């Protein structure tokens, strides 16, 4: 019996990125875990929704996800 080879998805990518409906990739911005009382409310609110990656980084991330994110 032949084994069907499957491509492995990189687990670190699954946990850290979200793909939007238009195939843009959003990631969490840094600096939102602790010491939040020292940061201004405006800067915390601005970073609330994460950040979209540039087109060159999108290609690199999608290569790590052969089947996309389900």
Protein backbone atom coordinates (compact mmCIF):
# COMPACT_ATOMS: atom_id res chain seq x y z
CA UNK A 1 0.00 0.00 0.00
CA UNK A 2 1.29 3.44 -0.93
CA UNK A 3 1.59 6.09 1.74
CA UNK A 4 0.20 9.43 0.72
CA UNK A 5 2.69 12.12 1.65
CA UNK A 6 1.19 15.11 3.47
CA UNK A 7 2.76 18.47 4.06
CA UNK A 8 3.10 19.57 7.65
CA UNK A 9 1.76 22.92 8.77
CA UNK A 10 4.07 24.93 11.00
CA UNK A 11 2.32 25.09 14.36
CA UNK A 12 3.88 28.41 15.35
CA UNK A 13 2.22 30.09 12.38
CA UNK A 14 -1.23 28.67 13.18
CA UNK A 15 -1.06 30.14 16.66
CA UNK A 16 0.21 33.60 15.74
CA UNK A 17 -1.53 34.74 12.55
CA UNK A 18 -5.08 35.26 11.35
CA UNK A 19 -6.02 35.40 7.67
CA UNK A 20 -8.74 37.88 6.72
CA UNK A 21 -11.31 37.37 3.98
CA UNK A 22 -9.15 39.27 1.48
CA UNK A 23 -6.06 37.14 2.33
CA UNK A 24 -4.38 39.83 4.37
CA UNK A 25 -2.52 38.47 7.38
CA UNK A 26 -2.98 40.03 10.81
CA UNK A 27 -0.58 39.53 13.72
CA UNK A 28 -0.62 40.67 17.33
CA UNK A 29 1.49 43.72 18.05
CA UNK A 30 4.18 43.58 20.71
CA UNK A 31 3.97 45.31 24.07
CA UNK A 32 0.44 44.38 25.15
CA UNK A 33 1.10 41.77 27.86
CA UNK A 34 2.23 43.57 30.99
CA UNK A 35 3.11 47.02 32.40
CA UNK A 36 -0.03 48.38 30.73
CA UNK A 37 -0.73 50.97 33.42
CA UNK A 38 2.40 52.86 32.32
CA UNK A 39 1.18 53.12 28.73
CA UNK A 40 -1.23 55.75 27.48
CA UNK A 41 -4.82 54.76 26.81
CA UNK A 42 -4.52 56.04 23.25
CA UNK A 43 -1.54 53.81 22.42
CA UNK A 44 -3.23 50.75 23.95
CA UNK A 45 -6.40 51.41 21.96
CA UNK A 46 -4.44 52.00 18.74
CA UNK A 47 -2.76 48.59 18.96
CA UNK A 48 -6.00 46.80 19.79
CA UNK A 49 -6.64 45.16 16.43
CA UNK A 50 -3.12 44.07 15.54
CA UNK A 51 -1.18 44.86 12.43
CA UNK A 52 -1.28 43.59 8.85
CA UNK A 53 1.87 42.18 7.35
CA UNK A 54 3.56 43.52 4.24
CA UNK A 55 3.18 41.67 0.94
CA UNK A 56 6.68 40.16 1.09
CA UNK A 57 6.04 38.74 4.57
CA UNK A 58 2.65 37.38 3.46
CA UNK A 59 4.34 35.12 0.90
CA UNK A 60 6.75 33.84 3.55
CA UNK A 61 3.95 33.07 6.01
CA UNK A 62 1.69 31.40 3.44
CA UNK A 63 4.54 29.08 2.50
CA UNK A 64 4.44 27.77 6.09
CA UNK A 65 0.70 27.03 5.75
CA UNK A 66 0.27 24.57 2.89
CA UNK A 67 -3.45 24.03 3.56
CA UNK A 68 -4.35 27.44 4.99
CA UNK A 69 -5.85 27.99 8.42
CA UNK A 70 -9.10 26.18 9.17
